[in-house]
């Protein structure tokens, strides 16, 4: 059974950008795990309380088939975080599905994995993505190879289905 890793901020992740794709992945038969910079309870922007099973430091990329960075204002915590950037790079090296939604595609851009790739994000991140070499599409959801990016909470369901689609290939 494929395992899907969701990386969220301890405060300020966008609730539906985690909950909808997680629900879709689980309904498709995938096991999901949620990690953050610390174990315990994480709080979403809209009030969701989520149990975080593992610290980001304990993540072994080879245990997962997909790595998903969840957006929301808290995702800025990972923009320059060496470990988060290394996880994105390693996911690409290991040919995993790598996904990010809302402002989180900037994590991928800052890791250098969007260079020369088509990608989308929340409009506030357009300049950063382009500065890091991505071809910004402005689409709700963009898939380029095994990298999926999405523009925001209104795209969370489509984003979830694209993750499942790539995992089932």
N, C-alpha and C. Protein backbone atom coordinates (compact mmCIF):
# COMPACT_ATOMS: atom_id res chain seq x y z
N UNK A 1 0.85 -1.18 0.00
CA UNK A 1 0.00 0.00 0.00
C UNK A 1 0.89 1.25 0.00
N UNK A 2 0.60 2.15 -0.90
CA UNK A 2 1.37 3.39 -1.00
C UNK A 2 1.15 4.25 0.25
N UNK A 3 2.21 4.93 0.66
CA UNK A 3 2.13 5.84 1.80
C UNK A 3 2.33 7.28 1.30
N UNK A 4 1.49 8.16 1.83
CA UNK A 4 1.50 9.57 1.44
C UNK A 4 1.85 10.41 2.67
N UNK A 5 2.84 11.27 2.54
CA UNK A 5 3.28 12.12 3.64
C UNK A 5 2.78 13.55 3.43
N UNK A 6 2.08 14.08 4.42
CA UNK A 6 1.64 15.47 4.41
C UNK A 6 2.50 16.26 5.38
N UNK A 7 3.11 17.34 4.90
CA UNK A 7 3.94 18.20 5.74
C UNK A 7 3.16 19.49 5.99
N UNK A 8 2.88 19.76 7.27
CA UNK A 8 2.11 20.95 7.64
C UNK A 8 2.91 21.81 8.62
N UNK A 9 2.55 23.08 8.69
CA UNK A 9 3.11 23.96 9.71
C UNK A 9 2.40 23.66 11.04
N UNK A 10 3.08 23.86 12.18
CA UNK A 10 2.44 23.60 13.46
C UNK A 10 1.28 24.56 13.75
N UNK A 11 1.32 25.74 13.15
CA UNK A 11 0.24 26.73 13.25
C UNK A 11 0.03 27.36 11.89
N UNK A 12 -1.22 27.52 11.49
CA UNK A 12 -1.51 28.26 10.27
C UNK A 12 -1.47 27.49 8.98
N UNK A 13 -1.57 26.15 9.03
CA UNK A 13 -1.76 25.43 7.76
C UNK A 13 -3.20 25.67 7.33
N UNK A 14 -3.47 25.52 6.04
CA UNK A 14 -4.83 25.74 5.54
C UNK A 14 -5.61 24.42 5.66
N UNK A 15 -6.62 24.42 6.49
CA UNK A 15 -7.36 23.21 6.86
C UNK A 15 -7.75 22.34 5.67
N UNK A 16 -8.49 22.93 4.70
CA UNK A 16 -8.99 22.11 3.59
C UNK A 16 -7.89 21.65 2.65
N UNK A 17 -6.75 22.33 2.65
CA UNK A 17 -5.64 21.91 1.79
C UNK A 17 -4.96 20.67 2.34
N UNK A 18 -5.18 20.38 3.61
CA UNK A 18 -4.75 19.12 4.21
C UNK A 18 -5.89 18.11 4.18
N UNK A 19 -7.04 18.50 4.70
CA UNK A 19 -8.12 17.55 4.95
C UNK A 19 -8.72 16.95 3.68
N UNK A 20 -8.95 17.75 2.64
CA UNK A 20 -9.55 17.20 1.41
C UNK A 20 -8.62 16.22 0.69
N UNK A 21 -7.36 16.60 0.41
CA UNK A 21 -6.47 15.62 -0.25
C UNK A 21 -6.23 14.37 0.61
N UNK A 22 -6.13 14.54 1.93
CA UNK A 22 -5.93 13.40 2.83
C UNK A 22 -7.12 12.44 2.72
N UNK A 23 -8.32 12.98 2.76
CA UNK A 23 -9.53 12.16 2.65
C UNK A 23 -9.57 11.43 1.31
N UNK A 24 -9.22 12.12 0.23
CA UNK A 24 -9.23 11.51 -1.12
C UNK A 24 -8.19 10.39 -1.20
N UNK A 25 -7.00 10.64 -0.66
CA UNK A 25 -5.94 9.62 -0.68
C UNK A 25 -6.35 8.39 0.12
N UNK A 26 -6.93 8.61 1.29
CA UNK A 26 -7.36 7.48 2.13
C UNK A 26 -8.50 6.70 1.48
N UNK A 27 -9.44 7.40 0.85
CA UNK A 27 -10.55 6.73 0.16
C UNK A 27 -10.04 5.88 -1.00
N UNK A 28 -8.90 6.28 -1.58
CA UNK A 28 -8.30 5.51 -2.68
C UNK A 28 -7.44 4.36 -2.17
N UNK A 29 -7.36 4.22 -0.84
CA UNK A 29 -6.63 3.09 -0.27
C UNK A 29 -5.21 3.37 0.16
N UNK A 30 -4.80 4.63 0.14
CA UNK A 30 -3.44 4.97 0.54
C UNK A 30 -3.36 5.28 2.03
N UNK A 31 -2.25 4.92 2.63
CA UNK A 31 -2.00 5.23 4.04
C UNK A 31 -1.42 6.65 4.09
N UNK A 32 -1.89 7.47 5.02
CA UNK A 32 -1.39 8.84 5.13
C UNK A 32 -0.72 9.06 6.48
N UNK A 33 0.22 9.98 6.48
CA UNK A 33 0.90 10.37 7.71
C UNK A 33 1.10 11.88 7.67
N UNK A 34 1.00 12.51 8.84
CA UNK A 34 1.15 13.96 8.93
C UNK A 34 2.35 14.28 9.80
N UNK A 35 3.25 15.11 9.28
CA UNK A 35 4.42 15.54 10.05
C UNK A 35 4.50 17.06 10.06
N UNK A 36 5.26 17.57 11.02
CA UNK A 36 5.49 19.00 11.16
C UNK A 36 6.84 19.18 11.85
N UNK A 37 7.14 20.41 12.21
CA UNK A 37 8.41 20.66 12.88
C UNK A 37 8.40 20.15 14.31
N UNK A 38 7.21 19.82 14.81
CA UNK A 38 7.15 19.20 16.14
C UNK A 38 5.93 18.28 16.24
N UNK A 39 6.07 17.25 17.09
CA UNK A 39 4.96 16.32 17.32
C UNK A 39 3.92 16.98 18.22
N UNK A 40 2.75 16.36 18.28
CA UNK A 40 1.69 16.88 19.13
C UNK A 40 0.54 17.39 18.29
N UNK A 41 -0.04 18.50 18.69
CA UNK A 41 -1.19 19.04 17.99
C UNK A 41 -0.82 20.25 17.15
N UNK A 42 -1.29 20.27 15.91
CA UNK A 42 -1.12 21.42 15.01
C UNK A 42 -2.49 22.05 14.81
N UNK A 43 -2.49 23.37 14.59
CA UNK A 43 -3.73 24.11 14.44
C UNK A 43 -3.81 24.78 13.08
N UNK A 44 -4.91 24.54 12.39
CA UNK A 44 -5.12 25.13 11.07
C UNK A 44 -5.64 26.56 11.17
N UNK A 45 -5.58 27.27 10.06
CA UNK A 45 -6.06 28.65 9.98
C UNK A 45 -7.54 28.77 10.32
N UNK A 46 -8.31 27.72 10.02
CA UNK A 46 -9.75 27.75 10.26
C UNK A 46 -10.12 27.00 11.54
N UNK A 47 -9.12 26.58 12.32
CA UNK A 47 -9.38 25.97 13.61
C UNK A 47 -9.24 24.47 13.72
N UNK A 48 -8.95 23.77 12.62
CA UNK A 48 -8.78 22.32 12.70
C UNK A 48 -7.63 21.98 13.65
N UNK A 49 -7.82 20.95 14.46
CA UNK A 49 -6.78 20.44 15.35
C UNK A 49 -6.35 19.09 14.80
N UNK A 50 -5.08 18.96 14.49
CA UNK A 50 -4.57 17.77 13.85
C UNK A 50 -3.45 17.16 14.69
N UNK A 51 -3.49 15.85 14.88
CA UNK A 51 -2.42 15.16 15.60
C UNK A 51 -1.25 14.94 14.63
N UNK A 52 -0.09 15.40 15.05
CA UNK A 52 1.13 15.23 14.26
C UNK A 52 1.89 14.04 14.84
N UNK A 53 2.07 13.01 14.02
CA UNK A 53 2.63 11.75 14.50
C UNK A 53 4.15 11.74 14.59
N UNK A 54 4.78 12.62 13.85
CA UNK A 54 6.23 12.53 13.73
C UNK A 54 6.82 13.90 13.45
N UNK A 55 8.02 14.12 13.95
CA UNK A 55 8.77 15.34 13.66
C UNK A 55 9.40 15.22 12.27
N UNK A 56 9.51 16.33 11.59
CA UNK A 56 10.10 16.37 10.25
C UNK A 56 11.48 15.72 10.22
N UNK A 57 12.23 15.85 11.31
CA UNK A 57 13.58 15.26 11.38
C UNK A 57 13.56 13.74 11.25
N UNK A 58 12.44 13.11 11.62
CA UNK A 58 12.35 11.65 11.61
C UNK A 58 11.88 11.08 10.28
N UNK A 59 11.66 11.94 9.28
CA UNK A 59 11.15 11.50 7.99
C UNK A 59 12.23 10.80 7.17
N UNK A 60 11.87 9.62 6.66
CA UNK A 60 12.72 8.90 5.71
C UNK A 60 11.95 8.87 4.38
N UNK A 61 12.40 9.65 3.42
CA UNK A 61 11.69 9.82 2.14
C UNK A 61 11.39 8.48 1.47
N UNK A 62 12.30 7.53 1.59
CA UNK A 62 12.10 6.25 0.89
C UNK A 62 10.90 5.46 1.43
N UNK A 63 10.35 5.86 2.59
CA UNK A 63 9.17 5.19 3.15
C UNK A 63 7.87 5.61 2.47
N UNK A 64 7.91 6.63 1.62
CA UNK A 64 6.69 7.22 1.05
C UNK A 64 6.73 7.22 -0.47
N UNK A 65 5.54 7.18 -1.06
CA UNK A 65 5.43 7.29 -2.52
C UNK A 65 5.08 8.71 -2.94
N UNK A 66 4.57 9.50 -1.99
CA UNK A 66 4.23 10.90 -2.30
C UNK A 66 4.53 11.78 -1.09
N UNK A 67 5.03 12.98 -1.38
CA UNK A 67 5.33 13.99 -0.35
C UNK A 67 4.51 15.21 -0.73
N UNK A 68 3.68 15.70 0.22
CA UNK A 68 2.81 16.84 -0.05
C UNK A 68 3.07 17.95 0.97
N UNK A 69 3.37 19.14 0.46
CA UNK A 69 3.52 20.33 1.30
C UNK A 69 2.19 21.08 1.27
N UNK A 70 1.60 21.26 2.45
CA UNK A 70 0.31 21.93 2.60
C UNK A 70 0.53 23.42 2.79
N UNK A 71 -0.33 24.24 2.16
CA UNK A 71 -0.21 25.68 2.25
C UNK A 71 -0.85 26.27 3.48
N UNK A 72 -1.17 27.55 3.37
CA UNK A 72 -1.63 28.34 4.49
C UNK A 72 -0.50 29.23 4.95
N UNK A 73 -0.81 30.26 5.72
CA UNK A 73 0.22 31.24 6.10
C UNK A 73 1.39 30.59 6.83
N UNK A 74 1.15 29.53 7.57
CA UNK A 74 2.22 28.86 8.30
C UNK A 74 3.26 28.22 7.42
N UNK A 75 2.93 27.94 6.16
CA UNK A 75 3.89 27.29 5.25
C UNK A 75 5.14 28.13 5.02
N UNK A 76 5.05 29.44 5.29
CA UNK A 76 6.23 30.31 5.14
C UNK A 76 7.40 29.81 6.01
N UNK A 77 7.05 29.12 7.09
CA UNK A 77 8.07 28.56 7.98
C UNK A 77 9.06 27.68 7.21
N UNK A 78 8.60 27.08 6.13
CA UNK A 78 9.44 26.15 5.37
C UNK A 78 10.13 26.78 4.16
N UNK A 79 9.85 28.04 3.86
CA UNK A 79 10.41 28.67 2.66
C UNK A 79 11.94 28.58 2.60
N UNK A 80 12.59 28.77 3.73
CA UNK A 80 14.06 28.75 3.77
C UNK A 80 14.57 27.67 4.72
N UNK A 81 13.70 26.74 5.12
CA UNK A 81 14.08 25.68 6.05
C UNK A 81 14.91 24.62 5.32
N UNK A 82 16.15 24.46 5.74
CA UNK A 82 17.08 23.56 5.05
C UNK A 82 16.54 22.13 4.97
N UNK A 83 15.92 21.65 6.03
CA UNK A 83 15.39 20.28 6.03
C UNK A 83 14.23 20.14 5.04
N UNK A 84 13.30 21.09 5.05
CA UNK A 84 12.16 21.03 4.11
C UNK A 84 12.65 21.09 2.67
N UNK A 85 13.61 21.95 2.39
CA UNK A 85 14.15 22.06 1.03
C UNK A 85 14.85 20.77 0.63
N UNK A 86 15.58 20.17 1.57
CA UNK A 86 16.27 18.90 1.29
C UNK A 86 15.27 17.78 1.03
N UNK A 87 14.15 17.78 1.75
CA UNK A 87 13.11 16.77 1.53
C UNK A 87 12.55 16.89 0.12
N UNK A 88 12.28 18.12 -0.33
CA UNK A 88 11.77 18.33 -1.69
C UNK A 88 12.79 17.83 -2.73
N UNK A 89 14.05 18.17 -2.53
CA UNK A 89 15.09 17.73 -3.47
C UNK A 89 15.20 16.21 -3.50
N UNK A 90 15.18 15.59 -2.32
CA UNK A 90 15.31 14.14 -2.23
C UNK A 90 14.11 13.43 -2.85
N UNK A 91 12.93 13.99 -2.68
CA UNK A 91 11.73 13.39 -3.29
C UNK A 91 11.89 13.33 -4.81
N UNK A 92 12.42 14.39 -5.39
CA UNK A 92 12.64 14.41 -6.85
C UNK A 92 13.72 13.40 -7.22
N UNK A 93 14.82 13.38 -6.45
CA UNK A 93 15.90 12.42 -6.73
C UNK A 93 15.40 10.98 -6.70
N UNK A 94 14.48 10.70 -5.77
CA UNK A 94 13.95 9.33 -5.64
C UNK A 94 12.72 9.09 -6.53
N UNK A 95 12.41 10.06 -7.39
CA UNK A 95 11.30 9.94 -8.35
C UNK A 95 9.95 9.71 -7.66
N UNK A 96 9.73 10.41 -6.55
CA UNK A 96 8.46 10.34 -5.82
C UNK A 96 7.49 11.36 -6.41
N UNK A 97 6.21 11.19 -6.13
CA UNK A 97 5.24 12.23 -6.42
C UNK A 97 5.51 13.34 -5.40
N UNK A 98 5.66 14.56 -5.87
CA UNK A 98 5.92 15.71 -5.01
C UNK A 98 4.86 16.75 -5.31
N UNK A 99 4.16 17.20 -4.27
CA UNK A 99 3.04 18.11 -4.48
C UNK A 99 3.07 19.26 -3.47
N UNK A 100 2.54 20.41 -3.88
CA UNK A 100 2.46 21.58 -3.00
C UNK A 100 1.28 22.43 -3.45
N UNK A 101 0.60 23.04 -2.48
CA UNK A 101 -0.60 23.82 -2.76
C UNK A 101 -0.52 25.18 -2.08
N UNK A 102 -1.16 26.18 -2.70
CA UNK A 102 -1.29 27.54 -2.18
C UNK A 102 0.06 28.25 -2.24
N UNK A 103 0.63 28.63 -1.09
CA UNK A 103 1.94 29.29 -1.11
C UNK A 103 3.07 28.27 -1.05
N UNK A 104 2.75 27.01 -0.73
CA UNK A 104 3.78 25.99 -0.57
C UNK A 104 4.60 25.69 -1.83
N UNK A 105 4.11 25.93 -3.06
CA UNK A 105 5.00 25.74 -4.21
C UNK A 105 6.28 26.58 -4.13
N UNK A 106 6.27 27.65 -3.34
CA UNK A 106 7.51 28.42 -3.14
C UNK A 106 8.57 27.59 -2.43
N UNK A 107 8.15 26.63 -1.61
CA UNK A 107 9.12 25.73 -0.98
C UNK A 107 9.83 24.93 -2.07
N UNK A 108 9.04 24.41 -3.02
CA UNK A 108 9.63 23.64 -4.12
C UNK A 108 10.53 24.51 -4.98
N UNK A 109 10.06 25.73 -5.25
CA UNK A 109 10.86 26.67 -6.06
C UNK A 109 12.18 26.97 -5.36
N UNK A 110 12.11 27.24 -4.06
CA UNK A 110 13.32 27.57 -3.30
C UNK A 110 14.27 26.38 -3.20
N UNK A 111 13.74 25.17 -3.31
CA UNK A 111 14.57 23.96 -3.32
C UNK A 111 15.21 23.73 -4.69
N UNK A 112 14.77 24.49 -5.69
CA UNK A 112 15.33 24.36 -7.03
C UNK A 112 14.69 23.29 -7.89
N UNK A 113 13.61 22.67 -7.40
CA UNK A 113 13.04 21.54 -8.15
C UNK A 113 12.00 21.96 -9.19
N UNK A 114 11.66 23.25 -9.24
CA UNK A 114 10.71 23.72 -10.26
C UNK A 114 11.40 24.37 -11.46
N UNK A 115 12.71 24.44 -11.43
CA UNK A 115 13.46 25.05 -12.53
C UNK A 115 13.09 24.39 -13.86
N UNK A 116 12.66 25.20 -14.82
CA UNK A 116 12.25 24.76 -16.17
C UNK A 116 11.00 23.89 -16.17
N UNK A 117 10.25 23.89 -15.09
CA UNK A 117 9.01 23.12 -15.02
C UNK A 117 7.81 24.05 -14.99
N UNK A 118 6.68 23.53 -15.47
CA UNK A 118 5.40 24.24 -15.38
C UNK A 118 4.90 24.11 -13.95
N UNK A 119 4.43 25.21 -13.37
CA UNK A 119 3.95 25.18 -11.99
C UNK A 119 2.97 26.32 -11.76
N UNK A 120 2.15 26.16 -10.74
CA UNK A 120 1.21 27.20 -10.33
C UNK A 120 1.34 27.37 -8.82
N UNK A 121 0.69 28.39 -8.30
CA UNK A 121 0.71 28.67 -6.86
C UNK A 121 -0.29 29.78 -6.59
N UNK A 122 -0.48 30.10 -5.33
CA UNK A 122 -1.27 31.27 -4.98
C UNK A 122 -0.61 32.47 -5.66
N UNK A 123 -1.39 33.41 -6.23
CA UNK A 123 -0.81 34.50 -7.01
C UNK A 123 0.33 35.27 -6.33
N UNK A 124 0.33 35.34 -4.99
CA UNK A 124 1.40 36.05 -4.29
C UNK A 124 2.77 35.42 -4.52
N UNK A 125 2.81 34.16 -4.97
CA UNK A 125 4.07 33.44 -5.14
C UNK A 125 4.57 33.43 -6.58
N UNK A 126 3.81 34.03 -7.48
CA UNK A 126 4.17 34.02 -8.91
C UNK A 126 5.59 34.52 -9.15
N UNK A 127 5.93 35.68 -8.59
CA UNK A 127 7.25 36.26 -8.83
C UNK A 127 8.37 35.36 -8.32
N UNK A 128 8.17 34.77 -7.15
CA UNK A 128 9.20 33.88 -6.61
C UNK A 128 9.39 32.66 -7.49
N UNK A 129 8.29 32.04 -7.93
CA UNK A 129 8.40 30.87 -8.78
C UNK A 129 9.15 31.21 -10.07
N UNK A 130 8.78 32.34 -10.68
CA UNK A 130 9.44 32.74 -11.92
C UNK A 130 10.92 33.07 -11.68
N UNK A 131 11.22 33.72 -10.57
CA UNK A 131 12.61 34.06 -10.26
C UNK A 131 13.47 32.81 -10.07
N UNK A 132 12.83 31.73 -9.65
CA UNK A 132 13.56 30.47 -9.43
C UNK A 132 13.50 29.57 -10.66
N UNK A 133 13.01 30.09 -11.79
CA UNK A 133 13.07 29.36 -13.05
C UNK A 133 11.85 28.55 -13.43
N UNK A 134 10.77 28.62 -12.63
CA UNK A 134 9.55 27.89 -12.99
C UNK A 134 8.81 28.64 -14.10
N UNK A 135 8.05 27.90 -14.87
CA UNK A 135 7.17 28.49 -15.88
C UNK A 135 5.77 28.57 -15.25
N UNK A 136 5.46 29.72 -14.66
CA UNK A 136 4.22 29.91 -13.93
C UNK A 136 3.03 29.84 -14.87
N UNK A 137 2.04 28.98 -14.55
CA UNK A 137 0.89 28.79 -15.44
C UNK A 137 -0.34 29.59 -15.00
N UNK A 138 -0.48 29.84 -13.71
CA UNK A 138 -1.69 30.50 -13.21
C UNK A 138 -2.91 29.59 -13.21
N UNK A 139 -2.73 28.32 -13.56
CA UNK A 139 -3.84 27.36 -13.59
C UNK A 139 -4.25 26.98 -12.16
N UNK A 140 -5.45 26.43 -11.99
CA UNK A 140 -5.84 25.95 -10.66
C UNK A 140 -4.89 24.84 -10.16
N UNK A 141 -4.62 23.86 -11.03
CA UNK A 141 -3.70 22.76 -10.71
C UNK A 141 -2.83 22.51 -11.94
N UNK A 142 -1.54 22.34 -11.70
CA UNK A 142 -0.61 22.05 -12.80
C UNK A 142 0.18 20.80 -12.45
N UNK A 143 0.29 19.89 -13.42
CA UNK A 143 1.09 18.69 -13.27
C UNK A 143 2.21 18.74 -14.30
N UNK A 144 3.45 18.57 -13.82
CA UNK A 144 4.61 18.49 -14.71
C UNK A 144 5.43 17.29 -14.24
N UNK A 145 5.35 16.22 -15.00
CA UNK A 145 6.01 14.98 -14.58
C UNK A 145 5.35 14.48 -13.31
N UNK A 146 6.16 14.30 -12.25
CA UNK A 146 5.62 13.82 -10.98
C UNK A 146 5.46 14.95 -9.97
N UNK A 147 5.50 16.20 -10.45
CA UNK A 147 5.31 17.34 -9.57
C UNK A 147 3.93 17.96 -9.82
N UNK A 148 3.18 18.11 -8.73
CA UNK A 148 1.84 18.70 -8.79
C UNK A 148 1.84 19.97 -7.95
N UNK A 149 1.36 21.06 -8.54
CA UNK A 149 1.21 22.30 -7.79
C UNK A 149 -0.23 22.79 -7.96
N UNK A 150 -0.73 23.48 -6.93
CA UNK A 150 -2.10 23.98 -6.97
C UNK A 150 -2.15 25.37 -6.35
N UNK A 151 -3.17 26.14 -6.75
CA UNK A 151 -3.21 27.56 -6.44
C UNK A 151 -3.84 27.95 -5.12
N UNK A 152 -4.61 27.08 -4.49
CA UNK A 152 -5.20 27.50 -3.22
C UNK A 152 -6.30 26.58 -2.74
N UNK A 153 -6.97 26.98 -1.66
CA UNK A 153 -7.95 26.10 -1.01
C UNK A 153 -9.09 25.65 -1.92
N UNK A 154 -9.49 26.50 -2.85
CA UNK A 154 -10.60 26.14 -3.75
C UNK A 154 -10.22 25.01 -4.71
N UNK A 155 -8.93 24.70 -4.79
CA UNK A 155 -8.46 23.64 -5.69
C UNK A 155 -8.09 22.37 -4.93
N UNK A 156 -8.35 22.33 -3.63
CA UNK A 156 -7.90 21.20 -2.79
C UNK A 156 -8.43 19.85 -3.26
N UNK A 157 -9.68 19.79 -3.71
CA UNK A 157 -10.25 18.52 -4.16
C UNK A 157 -9.58 18.06 -5.45
N UNK A 158 -9.46 18.94 -6.43
CA UNK A 158 -8.78 18.57 -7.69
C UNK A 158 -7.33 18.18 -7.42
N UNK A 159 -6.67 18.91 -6.54
CA UNK A 159 -5.29 18.62 -6.14
C UNK A 159 -5.20 17.19 -5.58
N UNK A 160 -6.12 16.84 -4.70
CA UNK A 160 -6.14 15.49 -4.13
C UNK A 160 -6.30 14.41 -5.18
N UNK A 161 -7.21 14.65 -6.13
CA UNK A 161 -7.43 13.66 -7.20
C UNK A 161 -6.21 13.52 -8.10
N UNK A 162 -5.49 14.62 -8.35
CA UNK A 162 -4.27 14.53 -9.18
C UNK A 162 -3.20 13.71 -8.48
N UNK A 163 -3.10 13.85 -7.15
CA UNK A 163 -2.13 13.05 -6.38
C UNK A 163 -2.47 11.57 -6.55
N UNK A 164 -3.73 11.21 -6.35
CA UNK A 164 -4.16 9.81 -6.48
C UNK A 164 -3.91 9.32 -7.91
N UNK A 165 -4.24 10.14 -8.88
CA UNK A 165 -4.04 9.76 -10.29
C UNK A 165 -2.58 9.40 -10.57
N UNK A 166 -1.65 10.22 -10.09
CA UNK A 166 -0.22 9.93 -10.33
C UNK A 166 0.23 8.70 -9.55
N UNK A 167 -0.29 8.51 -8.35
CA UNK A 167 0.10 7.34 -7.55
C UNK A 167 -0.42 6.04 -8.17
N UNK A 168 -1.51 6.12 -8.91
CA UNK A 168 -2.09 4.91 -9.51
C UNK A 168 -1.49 4.57 -10.87
N UNK A 169 -0.60 5.42 -11.38
CA UNK A 169 0.02 5.14 -12.69
C UNK A 169 1.06 4.05 -12.59
